[in-house]
Protein backbone atom coordinates (compact mmCIF):
# COMPACT_ATOMS: atom_id res chain seq x y z
CA MET A 1 25.03 -9.20 3.84
CA PRO A 2 22.24 -9.72 1.28
CA ASP A 3 22.23 -7.39 -1.71
CA ILE A 4 19.23 -5.09 -1.37
CA SER A 5 19.97 -2.83 -4.33
CA CYS A 6 16.94 -2.48 -6.59
CA ASN A 7 15.97 -1.79 -10.15
CA CYS A 8 12.42 -0.60 -10.66
CA ALA A 9 11.57 -0.05 -14.33
CA GLY A 10 15.18 0.87 -15.07
CA ILE A 11 15.51 3.24 -12.10
CA THR A 12 18.28 1.93 -9.86
CA ALA A 13 18.89 2.64 -6.19
CA PRO A 14 21.05 1.27 -3.37
CA ASN A 15 17.90 -0.12 -1.72
CA PRO A 16 14.15 -0.36 -2.39
CA PHE A 17 13.19 2.24 0.22
CA TRP A 18 11.94 5.37 -1.56
CA LEU A 19 10.17 8.35 -0.14
CA ALA A 20 6.85 8.88 -1.92
CA SER A 21 5.85 12.17 -3.49
CA ALA A 22 4.44 14.04 -0.47
CA PRO A 23 5.41 16.70 2.13
CA PRO A 24 8.63 14.79 3.08
CA THR A 25 9.99 15.34 -0.46
CA ASN A 26 9.04 19.00 -0.76
CA THR A 27 12.63 20.29 -0.82
CA GLY A 28 16.13 19.21 -1.71
CA ASP A 29 17.26 19.64 1.90
CA GLN A 30 14.67 17.15 3.10
CA ILE A 31 15.61 14.60 0.47
CA MET A 32 19.34 14.91 1.14
CA ARG A 33 18.74 14.45 4.86
CA ALA A 34 16.72 11.33 4.08
CA PHE A 35 19.50 9.95 1.84
CA ASP A 36 22.00 10.53 4.62
CA LEU A 37 19.85 8.42 6.94
CA GLY A 38 19.57 5.50 4.53
CA TRP A 39 16.75 6.05 2.05
CA GLY A 40 17.63 4.79 -1.41
CA GLY A 41 15.37 7.02 -3.48
CA ALA A 42 12.81 9.79 -3.42
CA VAL A 43 9.94 10.89 -5.61
CA TRP A 44 9.89 14.69 -5.59
CA LYS A 45 6.71 16.38 -4.44
CA THR A 46 4.57 16.78 -7.52
CA LEU A 47 5.72 19.53 -9.88
CA GLY A 48 3.24 21.62 -11.81
CA ASP A 49 1.88 25.11 -11.86
CA PRO A 50 2.44 26.16 -8.22
CA VAL A 51 -0.72 26.20 -6.10
CA GLN A 52 -1.79 28.05 -2.99
CA ASN A 53 -2.33 25.38 -0.33
CA VAL A 54 -4.72 25.67 2.62
CA SER A 55 -4.34 25.69 6.40
CA SER A 56 -4.93 23.34 8.17
CA ARG A 57 -4.10 20.31 6.02
CA PHE A 58 -3.93 17.01 7.94
CA GLY A 59 -6.40 14.89 9.87
CA ALA A 60 -6.00 11.52 11.61
CA ILE A 61 -7.81 8.56 13.14
CA ASN A 62 -5.97 7.66 16.31
CA HIS A 63 -5.73 4.22 17.95
CA ASN A 64 -5.87 4.25 21.75
CA GLY A 65 -5.83 8.03 21.65
CA THR A 66 -2.25 8.36 20.37
CA ARG A 67 -1.06 6.47 17.30
CA ALA A 68 -2.50 7.51 13.95
CA ILE A 69 -3.71 4.46 12.02
CA GLY A 70 -5.50 6.48 9.37
CA PHE A 71 -4.29 9.80 8.00
CA ASN A 72 -5.93 12.38 5.78
CA ASN A 73 -4.20 14.98 3.65
CA ILE A 74 -5.88 17.87 1.82
CA GLU A 75 -2.60 19.41 0.70
CA LEU A 76 -2.09 19.71 -3.06
CA ILE A 77 1.00 19.71 -5.28
CA THR A 78 4.07 21.96 -4.86
CA ASP A 79 3.56 25.58 -3.93
CA ARG A 80 7.09 26.43 -5.04
CA PRO A 81 8.20 27.64 -8.49
CA LEU A 82 9.22 24.97 -11.01
CA GLU A 83 12.63 26.59 -11.46
CA THR A 84 13.36 26.28 -7.74
CA ASN A 85 12.49 22.60 -7.68
CA LEU A 86 14.55 21.87 -10.80
CA ARG A 87 17.58 23.65 -9.36
CA GLU A 88 17.34 21.54 -6.20
CA ILE A 89 16.89 18.30 -8.20
CA ARG A 90 20.10 19.11 -10.03
CA GLU A 91 21.94 19.73 -6.76
CA VAL A 92 20.66 16.54 -5.12
CA LYS A 93 21.76 14.43 -8.10
CA ARG A 94 25.17 16.11 -8.10
CA LEU A 95 25.72 15.18 -4.44
CA TYR A 96 23.97 11.79 -4.46
CA PRO A 97 24.54 10.33 -7.93
CA LYS A 98 23.76 6.74 -6.93
CA HIS A 99 20.41 7.51 -5.29
CA ALA A 100 17.16 7.51 -7.25
CA VAL A 101 15.56 10.90 -7.76
CA VAL A 102 12.21 10.68 -9.53
CA ALA A 103 10.28 13.78 -10.58
CA SER A 104 6.54 13.59 -10.01
CA LEU A 105 4.62 15.61 -12.59
CA MET A 106 1.07 16.93 -13.03
CA PHE A 107 0.17 19.28 -15.85
CA GLY A 108 -2.74 20.03 -18.13
CA GLY A 109 -2.02 20.32 -21.83
CA ARG A 110 0.36 18.28 -23.99
CA ASP A 111 2.87 21.10 -24.49
CA GLU A 112 3.15 21.63 -20.72
CA TRP A 113 3.83 17.93 -20.15
CA ILE A 114 6.48 17.76 -22.84
CA ASP A 115 8.22 20.91 -21.64
CA ALA A 116 8.30 19.60 -18.06
CA VAL A 117 9.71 16.26 -19.20
CA LYS A 118 12.60 17.90 -21.01
CA ARG A 119 13.37 20.22 -18.12
CA CYS A 120 13.36 17.39 -15.58
CA GLU A 121 15.71 15.36 -17.77
CA ASP A 122 18.04 18.33 -18.08
CA ALA A 123 18.04 18.63 -14.28
CA GLY A 124 19.26 15.03 -14.00
CA ALA A 125 16.15 13.23 -12.77
CA ASP A 126 16.46 9.44 -12.97
CA GLY A 127 12.81 8.92 -13.79
CA LEU A 128 9.38 10.50 -14.05
CA GLU A 129 6.23 9.65 -12.12
CA LEU A 130 3.00 10.96 -13.65
CA ASN A 131 0.55 11.78 -10.88
CA PHE A 132 -2.78 10.38 -12.02
CA GLY A 133 -4.01 9.83 -8.49
CA CYS A 134 -4.56 13.01 -6.42
CA PRO A 135 -8.22 12.69 -5.22
CA HIS A 136 -8.86 16.28 -4.18
CA GLY A 137 -8.27 19.80 -5.40
CA MET A 138 -6.49 18.86 -8.61
CA CYS A 139 -9.13 16.45 -9.92
CA GLU A 140 -11.63 19.28 -9.91
CA ARG A 141 -9.26 20.98 -12.35
CA GLY A 142 -9.21 17.99 -14.70
CA MET A 143 -5.96 16.51 -13.38
CA GLY A 144 -4.95 13.90 -10.80
CA SER A 145 -7.59 11.22 -10.31
CA ALA A 146 -9.74 12.80 -13.01
CA VAL A 147 -7.10 11.39 -15.39
CA GLY A 148 -6.48 8.20 -13.42
CA GLN A 149 -10.13 7.19 -13.46
CA GLU A 150 -10.38 7.38 -17.28
CA PRO A 151 -8.28 4.72 -19.05
CA LYS A 152 -8.40 6.51 -22.41
CA ILE A 153 -7.07 9.77 -20.92
CA ASN A 154 -4.51 7.82 -18.90
CA GLU A 155 -3.25 6.15 -22.06
CA GLU A 156 -3.21 9.39 -24.05
CA ILE A 157 -1.19 11.42 -21.56
CA THR A 158 1.12 8.50 -20.87
CA ARG A 159 1.87 8.32 -24.59
CA TRP A 160 2.54 12.08 -24.76
CA VAL A 161 5.26 11.65 -22.14
CA ALA A 162 6.60 8.21 -23.13
CA ASP A 163 7.08 9.30 -26.75
CA VAL A 164 9.51 12.10 -25.75
CA ALA A 165 11.06 10.87 -22.50
CA SER A 166 14.54 9.37 -22.50
CA ILE A 167 14.28 8.26 -18.85
CA PRO A 168 11.85 5.72 -17.33
CA VAL A 169 8.22 6.75 -16.90
CA LEU A 170 6.09 5.49 -13.99
CA ILE A 171 2.35 6.10 -13.74
CA LYS A 172 0.98 6.68 -10.24
CA LEU A 173 -2.45 5.07 -10.22
CA THR A 174 -5.50 6.04 -8.20
CA PRO A 175 -7.25 3.50 -5.95
CA ASN A 176 -10.54 5.33 -6.43
CA VAL A 177 -11.74 2.85 -9.05
CA GLY A 178 -13.67 -0.42 -8.95
CA ASP A 179 -10.98 -2.47 -10.73
CA ILE A 180 -7.34 -1.41 -11.01
CA LEU A 181 -6.46 -3.69 -13.93
CA PRO A 182 -7.95 -1.62 -16.80
CA HIS A 183 -6.03 1.39 -15.56
CA GLY A 184 -2.74 -0.45 -15.27
CA LEU A 185 -3.25 -1.82 -18.78
CA ALA A 186 -4.00 1.68 -20.06
CA SER A 187 -0.63 2.86 -18.74
CA GLN A 188 1.02 -0.15 -20.35
CA ARG A 189 -0.59 0.60 -23.75
CA GLY A 190 0.54 4.20 -23.46
CA GLY A 191 4.17 3.13 -23.22
CA ALA A 192 4.87 3.46 -19.49
CA ASP A 193 7.92 1.67 -18.10
CA GLY A 194 6.19 0.90 -14.81
CA VAL A 195 3.44 1.89 -12.40
CA ALA A 196 3.31 3.11 -8.82
CA LEU A 197 0.32 2.43 -6.57
CA ILE A 198 -1.66 3.29 -4.65
CA ASN A 199 -2.24 6.98 -4.35
CA THR A 200 -4.53 8.14 -1.55
CA VAL A 201 -8.18 7.14 -1.14
CA LYS A 202 -10.85 9.84 -1.43
CA SER A 203 -12.27 10.34 2.05
CA ILE A 204 -13.64 12.48 4.83
CA ILE A 205 -11.79 11.41 7.95
CA GLY A 206 -14.10 12.93 10.53
CA VAL A 207 -16.37 15.78 11.62
CA ASP A 208 -15.83 18.44 14.30
CA LEU A 209 -18.74 17.65 16.66
CA ASP A 210 -18.84 21.18 18.09
CA ARG A 211 -18.46 23.21 14.90
CA PHE A 212 -20.23 20.67 12.63
CA VAL A 213 -17.43 20.95 10.07
CA PRO A 214 -15.52 18.13 8.31
CA VAL A 215 -11.89 17.90 9.44
CA PRO A 216 -9.24 19.07 8.84
CA ARG A 217 -11.00 22.40 9.18
CA VAL A 218 -10.23 25.38 6.98
CA GLY A 219 -12.06 28.32 8.53
CA ASN A 220 -15.68 27.24 8.81
CA LYS A 221 -15.56 24.55 6.13
CA GLY A 222 -13.87 21.25 5.37
CA SER A 223 -13.43 19.05 2.33
CA ASN A 224 -12.65 15.52 1.26
CA GLY A 225 -9.00 14.61 1.12
CA GLY A 226 -6.66 11.69 0.52
CA TYR A 227 -6.78 8.81 3.02
CA CYS A 228 -3.42 7.16 3.70
CA GLY A 229 -1.41 5.54 6.47
CA ALA A 230 -1.57 2.08 8.00
CA ALA A 231 -5.31 1.68 7.41
CA VAL A 232 -4.95 1.66 3.60
CA ARG A 233 -2.24 -1.01 3.40
CA PRO A 234 -4.70 -3.87 2.75
CA ILE A 235 -6.21 -1.94 -0.15
CA ALA A 236 -2.76 -1.27 -1.57
CA LEU A 237 -1.65 -4.88 -1.22
CA HIS A 238 -4.77 -6.09 -3.03
CA MET A 239 -4.31 -3.71 -5.96
CA VAL A 240 -0.59 -4.43 -6.31
CA ALA A 241 -1.30 -8.16 -6.28
CA GLN A 242 -4.18 -7.76 -8.75
CA LEU A 243 -1.80 -6.27 -11.30
CA ALA A 244 1.07 -8.64 -10.51
CA ARG A 245 -1.05 -11.77 -11.06
CA SER A 246 -2.54 -10.61 -14.35
CA LYS A 247 -1.15 -12.39 -17.41
CA GLU A 248 -1.89 -9.30 -19.49
CA PHE A 249 0.01 -6.86 -17.28
CA ASN A 250 3.81 -7.06 -17.38
CA LEU A 251 5.21 -3.78 -16.04
CA PRO A 252 7.32 -3.33 -12.88
CA ILE A 253 5.50 -2.04 -9.82
CA SER A 254 6.52 0.44 -7.15
CA GLY A 255 4.31 -0.36 -4.15
CA ILE A 256 2.84 2.38 -1.95
CA GLY A 257 0.36 2.49 0.90
CA GLY A 258 0.62 2.17 4.68
CA ILE A 259 4.20 0.90 4.82
CA SER A 260 5.87 1.61 8.14
CA ASP A 261 8.18 -1.30 8.97
CA TRP A 262 10.25 -4.05 7.32
CA ARG A 263 7.42 -6.60 7.46
CA HIS A 264 5.27 -4.37 5.28
CA VAL A 265 8.20 -3.96 2.90
CA VAL A 266 8.51 -7.71 2.54
CA GLU A 267 4.77 -8.08 1.95
CA PHE A 268 4.81 -5.64 -0.96
CA LEU A 269 7.89 -7.27 -2.45
CA LEU A 270 6.41 -10.76 -2.15
CA LEU A 271 3.31 -9.54 -3.98
CA GLY A 272 5.32 -8.23 -6.91
CA SER A 273 6.68 -4.78 -6.09
CA THR A 274 10.28 -4.07 -7.06
CA SER A 275 10.53 -0.94 -4.93
CA ILE A 276 8.38 0.55 -2.17
CA GLN A 277 7.44 4.13 -1.36
CA VAL A 278 6.73 5.63 2.06
CA ALA A 279 5.25 8.97 3.06
CA THR A 280 2.85 8.91 6.03
CA ALA A 281 5.07 6.83 8.28
CA ALA A 282 7.99 9.18 7.62
CA MET A 283 5.75 12.14 8.48
CA LEU A 284 4.57 10.56 11.74
CA GLN A 285 7.81 8.91 12.88
CA GLY A 286 10.67 10.65 11.06
CA PHE A 287 13.16 9.52 8.43
CA ARG A 288 15.00 7.16 10.80
CA ILE A 289 12.34 4.48 10.36
CA VAL A 290 14.35 3.38 7.32
CA GLU A 291 17.03 1.98 9.63
CA ASP A 292 14.60 -0.64 11.00
CA MET A 293 13.37 -1.36 7.48
CA GLU A 294 16.87 -2.06 6.22
CA SER A 295 18.06 -4.18 9.13
CA GLY A 296 14.77 -6.07 9.29
CA LEU A 297 14.71 -6.79 5.55
CA GLN A 298 18.30 -8.03 5.55
CA SER A 299 17.73 -10.24 8.61
CA TRP A 300 14.62 -11.76 7.04
CA MET A 301 16.47 -12.37 3.77
CA ARG A 302 19.33 -14.11 5.62
CA SER A 303 16.91 -16.31 7.56
CA HIS A 304 15.33 -17.48 4.31
CA GLY A 305 18.55 -17.84 2.33
CA PHE A 306 17.82 -15.02 -0.13
CA GLU A 307 20.88 -13.25 -1.50
CA LYS A 308 19.14 -10.52 -3.51
CA LEU A 309 15.68 -9.00 -3.90
CA ASP A 310 14.97 -10.78 -7.18
CA ASP A 311 15.19 -14.08 -5.30
CA PHE A 312 11.83 -13.50 -3.68
CA VAL A 313 10.02 -10.62 -5.45
CA GLY A 314 6.60 -11.93 -6.46
CA LEU A 315 6.89 -15.30 -4.68
CA ALA A 316 3.44 -14.86 -3.06
CA VAL A 317 1.70 -13.97 -6.33
CA PRO A 318 0.98 -17.57 -7.48
CA ASN A 319 -0.63 -18.24 -4.09
CA TYR A 320 -3.17 -15.44 -4.51
CA SER A 321 -6.30 -16.94 -6.01
CA GLU A 322 -9.96 -16.13 -6.54
CA TRP A 323 -12.24 -17.16 -3.64
CA GLY A 324 -13.84 -19.85 -5.76
CA ASP A 325 -10.51 -21.61 -6.24
CA LEU A 326 -9.76 -21.95 -2.50
CA ASP A 327 -9.85 -25.44 -0.97
CA ILE A 328 -13.28 -25.42 0.60
CA ASN A 329 -12.60 -28.75 2.30
CA TYR A 330 -9.58 -27.44 4.22
CA GLU A 331 -10.47 -27.15 7.91
CA VAL A 332 -9.00 -25.66 11.07
CA VAL A 333 -10.35 -25.28 14.60
CA ALA A 334 -9.39 -23.02 17.48
CA ASP A 335 -7.05 -24.38 20.15
CA ILE A 336 -6.72 -22.60 23.52
CA ASP A 337 -3.44 -23.06 25.43
CA ARG A 338 -4.69 -23.49 29.00
CA ASP A 339 -1.25 -22.66 30.44
CA LYS A 340 -1.20 -19.27 28.70
CA CYS A 341 -4.88 -18.37 29.16
CA ILE A 342 -5.51 -15.63 31.73
CA GLY A 343 -9.25 -16.28 31.97
CA CYS A 344 -10.34 -12.92 30.57
CA GLN A 345 -13.07 -14.67 28.52
CA VAL A 346 -12.90 -12.11 25.72
CA CYS A 347 -12.86 -14.96 23.21
CA TYR A 348 -16.03 -16.41 24.75
CA VAL A 349 -17.93 -13.15 24.38
CA ALA A 350 -16.62 -12.55 20.84
CA CYS A 351 -17.53 -16.06 19.68
CA ARG A 352 -20.97 -15.95 21.29
CA ASP A 353 -21.91 -12.49 20.05
CA GLY A 354 -19.97 -12.17 16.80
CA GLY A 355 -18.84 -15.65 15.82
CA HIS A 356 -20.41 -19.09 15.81
CA ASP A 357 -21.08 -19.75 19.51
CA CYS A 358 -18.66 -22.64 19.78
CA ILE A 359 -16.67 -21.54 22.86
CA THR A 360 -18.11 -22.61 26.18
CA LEU A 361 -17.54 -21.94 29.88
CA LYS A 362 -17.75 -24.48 32.68
CA SER A 363 -19.00 -23.39 36.08
CA ASP A 364 -15.87 -24.58 37.84
CA SER A 365 -13.32 -22.81 35.62
CA ARG A 366 -12.63 -19.41 34.07
CA ILE A 367 -10.76 -21.05 31.19
CA PRO A 368 -12.95 -21.23 28.04
CA GLU A 369 -13.16 -24.43 26.04
CA VAL A 370 -13.63 -24.90 22.29
CA ASP A 371 -16.38 -27.19 21.03
CA GLU A 372 -14.47 -28.56 18.06
CA LYS A 373 -17.59 -30.19 16.63
CA GLU A 374 -19.10 -26.74 16.18
CA CYS A 375 -15.97 -24.62 15.49
CA VAL A 376 -15.76 -23.42 11.87
CA GLY A 377 -12.25 -21.99 12.18
CA CYS A 378 -13.21 -18.35 11.64
CA ASN A 379 -10.15 -17.04 13.61
CA LEU A 380 -12.14 -14.37 15.50
CA CYS A 381 -11.13 -15.67 18.92
CA SER A 382 -7.42 -15.59 18.07
CA HIS A 383 -7.69 -11.98 16.92
CA VAL A 384 -9.38 -10.68 20.07
CA CYS A 385 -7.23 -12.68 22.54
CA PRO A 386 -4.84 -10.31 24.38
CA VAL A 387 -2.23 -13.03 24.98
CA ILE A 388 0.17 -13.78 22.11
CA ASP A 389 -0.17 -17.32 20.76
CA CYS A 390 -2.64 -18.32 23.45
CA ILE A 391 -5.23 -19.22 20.79
CA THR A 392 -3.96 -20.86 17.62
CA MET A 393 -5.71 -22.52 14.72
CA LYS A 394 -4.92 -26.20 14.22
CA GLU A 395 -5.59 -28.17 11.04
CA VAL A 396 -7.95 -31.14 11.30
CA ASP A 397 -8.47 -34.04 8.93
CA ASN A 398 -12.13 -34.20 7.99
CA GLY A 399 -11.68 -37.06 5.55
CA PHE A 400 -12.55 -35.02 2.46
CA ALA A 401 -10.17 -34.57 -0.49
CA PRO A 402 -9.22 -31.01 -1.45
CA ALA A 403 -11.87 -29.35 -3.61
CA SER A 404 -12.76 -25.82 -4.62
CA TRP A 405 -16.21 -24.32 -4.96
CA ASN A 406 -15.61 -23.87 -8.67
CA GLU A 407 -14.75 -27.58 -9.00
CA HIS A 408 -17.89 -28.41 -7.07
CA LEU A 409 -20.01 -26.37 -9.46
CA THR A 410 -18.43 -27.69 -12.64
CA LYS A 411 -17.53 -31.28 -11.75
CA GLY A 412 -19.76 -32.11 -8.80
CA THR A 413 -16.76 -32.58 -6.49
CA PRO A 414 -18.07 -33.25 -2.96
CA ILE A 415 -17.58 -30.61 -0.27
CA VAL A 416 -17.85 -31.08 3.47
CA PRO A 417 -20.70 -29.31 5.31
CA LYS A 418 -19.27 -26.97 7.93
CA LYS A 419 -20.55 -28.61 11.03
CA GLY A 420 -23.42 -27.28 13.11
CA VAL A 421 -23.85 -24.00 11.23
CA HIS A 422 -25.52 -25.88 8.37
CA GLU A 423 -27.71 -28.18 10.45
């Protein structure tokens, strides 16, 4: 079996599957149950001055009326006393010494941060995660994303903690910024051992159309919350990759955002994460999802000949480039498998109304045909087709040598006009 043990910024665990700081890590009992089912680590729900949370707390965008693809959370940090959480951290580490237990922290002044660091170390925590990402409730109090959106404050608080901590320090970054790199670099300058991203995206997930109140509803009012779940995974992947490909940034990354199966785990690892964190999927499907993650990851590693995580972590990073460096002369066209096609003509409608009008219908057949002279290879038809692998994209030789747009601008390298759309 491949070795899936992980080391993220000096925090070791039997596997890279960690529960993120969220409702599933609110108590020691929850975390121990998760460890029993196969999770390798957990980031404790954020510790700080206990807050009074609201009711209700969650909202969702459902796909086909059932499965939540987008989730919204207006819950804040722990509502339990610090002493209670520290006692449970100590007990969890006593019973599960090889699992990673990371304490998430959010405080105000320097003395509060330093005191919390020392107490978490005394309780046996393996690492600290500074919550600079919460986009609601706490940011209005000068914490959470209010810190994460200001590189100078990020760096200052990180240094407060890093200067006194004897265990690894991760910084949980907010996605509510235009460019993640300055914020990752601020954590690096402050002395962090690694970063975790992304936290949730500031959002309003919907409005009650009868009461005219944003949801989730608290009495007769609603508020913005943190958007998470499957819908934010592309944002998370982009930000993780943006840090991983930077020559200036050299800290380990714990990837978070929309992870719910082993394929997502592999994606984050390929883009530079050394561990992954999950919250929403565990809330919606239960802790047992880790079983599929573990078996799927190991099967994928075996099929590719990888013996350990380090064999493939970051392998996709060199292949992530700026748009202007893509080969603008590379060309594909759609190819419809007539034996698989069911004649629904969804691709025809999509291409005509939302694509490039290069799929045609003949009067004597329900099977659409691709006009390859006009097809620009946009992929839309393959995404709307209900039959797996019925429409694929095939590479064509247009006679032009590889060239990027940047090369064209700087060196005059010829580029091929994309067929009828430019005529």
